[in-house]
Amino acid sequence: MELLKERILREASILNQDVLKLDALLNHQVDPLLTQEMGKEFARLYAETPITKVITVESSGIPVAYATALVLGVPLVFARRKKTLIADPDAYCERVPSFTKGIVTDIMVSRQFLSADDTVLFIDDIIANGDAARGLIKIIERSGATLAGLGIVVEKSFQSGARTIREQGIRVESLAKIASLDGGKIRFE
């Protein structure tokens, strides 16, 4: 998506050679029109697959996943990162490290919202090392649901996350692939 790439070049900031700050687009502020266009693109890319649900990890993946689910006309499910008093005690759970947050958290999906009858499209904002993605993929596999593939807004292709998931035979579609942040410059594939 050229519009997305233009916005990344204009509004993202590079914190170091591994970290790209996308707060103005995805992680703190959301542009509804751009987000809707991204949702339309993911829906187009997976149009041939009978998706029953879109799934993501809270919180930055939610807006794009919502836009995708809206276009596809299916429910959105998101993995929670925090247990609540009313959380399903028998939820699918996986412990995952966060590259950008520098912490380890549990992600949880209620068994009520994910089953073997589902074909899910996993949408997320950024993939770096892929730890959160691998965690949610494990949850999807344990539920018996079929994973149609991943839709990633920004793939940092100089890190191993998307590559290792593709090597598992899982389809990964990225709207923007960043090959390098070296020298304080964003270079797309």
Protein backbone atom coordinates (compact mmCIF):
# COMPACT_ATOMS: atom_id res chain seq x y z
CA MET A 1 0.00 0.00 0.00
CA GLU A 2 1.70 3.13 -1.23
CA LEU A 3 -0.44 5.40 0.96
CA LEU A 4 0.71 3.52 4.06
CA LYS A 5 4.36 3.70 3.00
CA GLU A 6 4.06 7.46 2.40
CA ARG A 7 2.54 7.95 5.84
CA ILE A 8 5.25 5.83 7.48
CA LEU A 9 7.97 7.91 5.82
CA ARG A 10 6.25 11.13 6.89
CA GLU A 11 5.07 10.28 10.41
CA ALA A 12 7.12 7.41 11.87
CA SER A 13 10.23 7.95 13.93
CA ILE A 14 13.20 5.66 14.27
CA LEU A 15 14.28 5.05 17.86
CA ASN A 16 17.22 2.83 16.91
CA GLN A 17 18.19 0.36 14.18
CA ASP A 18 15.59 -2.15 15.46
CA VAL A 19 12.68 0.01 16.68
CA LEU A 20 10.28 2.07 14.57
CA LYS A 21 7.79 4.23 16.44
CA LEU A 22 4.41 4.30 14.70
CA ASP A 23 2.38 6.11 17.37
CA ALA A 24 0.89 8.60 14.90
CA LEU A 25 -0.54 5.79 12.72
CA LEU A 26 -1.10 2.62 14.74
CA ASN A 27 0.01 2.54 18.33
CA HIS A 28 -1.33 5.66 20.04
CA GLN A 29 -3.34 7.57 17.47
CA VAL A 30 -5.44 5.94 14.76
CA ASP A 31 -6.31 7.45 11.39
CA PRO A 32 -9.79 5.99 10.69
CA LEU A 33 -9.63 6.49 6.92
CA LEU A 34 -6.20 4.90 6.55
CA THR A 35 -7.23 2.11 8.92
CA GLN A 36 -10.35 1.42 6.83
CA GLU A 37 -8.23 1.22 3.67
CA MET A 38 -5.92 -1.28 5.35
CA GLY A 39 -8.93 -3.36 6.38
CA LYS A 40 -10.22 -3.34 2.80
CA GLU A 41 -6.82 -4.48 1.53
CA PHE A 42 -6.63 -7.41 3.97
CA ALA A 43 -10.19 -8.39 3.07
CA ARG A 44 -9.22 -8.30 -0.63
CA LEU A 45 -6.08 -10.38 -0.05
CA TYR A 46 -8.06 -13.10 1.76
CA ALA A 47 -11.28 -12.82 -0.26
CA GLU A 48 -11.03 -16.39 -1.58
CA THR A 49 -10.97 -17.87 1.95
CA PRO A 50 -14.25 -18.33 3.88
CA ILE A 51 -13.22 -16.44 7.04
CA THR A 52 -15.55 -16.83 10.04
CA LYS A 53 -13.63 -14.59 12.47
CA VAL A 54 -10.81 -12.09 12.56
CA ILE A 55 -8.46 -12.40 15.53
CA THR A 56 -5.74 -10.14 16.96
CA VAL A 57 -3.82 -9.38 20.14
CA GLU A 58 -4.78 -6.33 22.19
CA SER A 59 -4.31 -3.50 21.82
CA SER A 60 -2.60 -2.01 18.77
CA GLY A 61 -3.91 -4.66 16.39
CA ILE A 62 -7.54 -3.98 17.26
CA PRO A 63 -8.31 -1.01 14.94
CA VAL A 64 -7.03 -2.70 11.76
CA ALA A 65 -8.51 -6.04 12.77
CA TYR A 66 -11.86 -4.31 13.36
CA ALA A 67 -11.73 -2.63 9.95
CA THR A 68 -10.96 -6.00 8.34
CA ALA A 69 -13.74 -7.78 10.22
CA LEU A 70 -16.18 -5.04 9.25
CA VAL A 71 -15.40 -5.43 5.54
CA LEU A 72 -15.57 -9.24 5.79
CA GLY A 73 -18.80 -9.08 7.81
CA VAL A 74 -17.49 -11.36 10.59
CA PRO A 75 -16.87 -11.00 14.34
CA LEU A 76 -13.58 -9.75 15.74
CA VAL A 77 -11.96 -11.64 18.63
CA PHE A 78 -8.94 -10.29 20.44
CA ALA A 79 -6.55 -12.01 22.79
CA ARG A 80 -6.45 -10.20 26.11
CA ARG A 81 -3.18 -9.41 27.83
CA LYS A 82 -4.66 -8.94 31.30
CA LYS A 83 -6.85 -11.24 33.34
CA THR A 84 -9.98 -9.63 34.72
CA LEU A 85 -12.31 -10.71 37.51
CA ILE A 86 -14.80 -11.98 34.95
CA ALA A 87 -12.26 -13.64 32.66
CA ASP A 88 -12.92 -17.20 31.52
CA PRO A 89 -10.89 -19.34 33.96
CA ASP A 90 -10.59 -22.02 31.27
CA ALA A 91 -9.39 -19.69 28.51
CA TYR A 92 -6.69 -20.66 26.03
CA CYS A 93 -3.54 -19.05 27.39
CA GLU A 94 0.01 -18.60 26.14
CA ARG A 95 2.96 -16.74 27.69
CA VAL A 96 4.71 -14.43 25.19
CA PRO A 97 7.54 -11.90 25.32
CA SER A 98 6.97 -8.47 23.78
CA PHE A 99 9.86 -7.09 21.72
CA THR A 100 8.85 -3.43 22.01
CA LYS A 101 7.52 -3.54 25.58
CA GLY A 102 10.44 -5.59 26.89
CA ILE A 103 8.17 -7.71 29.10
CA VAL A 104 6.58 -11.15 29.14
CA THR A 105 2.78 -11.34 29.31
CA ASP A 106 0.07 -13.93 29.05
CA ILE A 107 -2.35 -13.69 26.14
CA MET A 108 -5.76 -15.27 26.60
CA VAL A 109 -8.71 -16.13 24.37
CA SER A 110 -11.98 -17.42 25.81
CA ARG A 111 -12.91 -20.88 24.57
CA GLN A 112 -16.38 -19.45 23.97
CA PHE A 113 -15.12 -17.36 21.05
CA LEU A 114 -12.75 -19.74 19.25
CA SER A 115 -13.59 -23.26 18.15
CA ALA A 116 -12.84 -25.97 15.61
CA ASP A 117 -15.67 -24.60 13.46
CA ASP A 118 -13.80 -21.35 12.86
CA THR A 119 -11.53 -20.25 10.04
CA VAL A 120 -9.68 -17.25 11.38
CA LEU A 121 -7.66 -14.46 9.84
CA PHE A 122 -5.03 -13.14 12.24
CA ILE A 123 -4.42 -9.39 11.81
CA ASP A 124 -1.69 -7.48 13.65
CA ASP A 125 0.00 -4.11 13.49
CA ILE A 126 3.72 -4.96 13.47
CA ILE A 127 5.78 -8.11 13.37
CA ALA A 128 9.39 -8.07 14.55
CA ASN A 129 10.53 -11.28 16.23
CA GLY A 130 7.07 -12.83 16.00
CA ASP A 131 6.73 -13.99 19.59
CA ALA A 132 3.18 -12.70 20.11
CA ALA A 133 2.16 -14.07 16.71
CA ARG A 134 3.58 -17.52 17.51
CA GLY A 135 1.75 -17.46 20.85
CA LEU A 136 -1.59 -16.67 19.25
CA ILE A 137 -0.95 -19.27 16.52
CA LYS A 138 -0.48 -21.88 19.29
CA ILE A 139 -3.81 -20.83 20.82
CA ILE A 140 -5.53 -21.10 17.42
CA GLU A 141 -4.03 -24.57 16.89
CA ARG A 142 -5.14 -25.77 20.36
CA SER A 143 -8.68 -24.55 19.67
CA GLY A 144 -8.85 -26.66 16.52
CA ALA A 145 -9.68 -23.58 14.42
CA THR A 146 -8.20 -23.22 10.95
CA LEU A 147 -5.73 -20.38 10.46
CA ALA A 148 -6.28 -18.80 7.04
CA GLY A 149 -3.17 -16.67 7.46
CA LEU A 150 -1.75 -13.49 8.92
CA GLY A 151 -2.27 -9.94 7.78
CA ILE A 152 0.48 -7.66 9.08
CA VAL A 153 0.43 -3.89 8.64
CA VAL A 154 4.21 -3.44 9.00
CA GLU A 155 6.67 -6.30 8.69
CA LYS A 156 10.20 -5.60 9.83
CA SER A 157 11.71 -8.10 7.39
CA PHE A 158 15.20 -7.59 8.81
CA GLN A 159 13.95 -9.41 11.90
CA SER A 160 13.00 -13.08 11.86
CA GLY A 161 9.32 -13.08 12.90
CA ALA A 162 7.44 -13.23 9.60
CA ARG A 163 10.10 -15.39 7.95
CA THR A 164 9.91 -18.10 10.65
CA ILE A 165 6.11 -18.13 10.43
CA ARG A 166 6.24 -18.45 6.64
CA GLU A 167 8.71 -21.32 7.08
CA GLN A 168 5.96 -23.14 9.03
CA GLY A 169 3.85 -23.02 5.86
CA ILE A 170 1.60 -20.23 7.14
CA ARG A 171 0.53 -17.52 4.72
CA VAL A 172 1.68 -14.03 5.76
CA GLU A 173 0.55 -10.91 3.85
CA SER A 174 2.21 -7.62 4.83
CA LEU A 175 1.10 -4.18 3.66
CA ALA A 176 4.55 -2.64 4.14
CA LYS A 177 7.85 -4.50 4.47
CA ILE A 178 10.72 -2.60 6.03
CA ALA A 179 14.09 -3.99 5.01
CA SER A 180 16.22 -1.71 7.18
CA LEU A 181 16.28 1.16 9.65
CA ASP A 182 20.06 1.54 9.38
CA GLY A 183 21.49 5.03 9.43
CA GLY A 184 18.20 6.46 10.70
CA LYS A 185 16.50 5.86 7.34
CA ILE A 186 13.49 3.69 6.53
CA ARG A 187 14.17 1.43 3.57
CA PHE A 188 11.27 -0.63 2.19
CA GLU A 189 11.64 -3.95 0.39
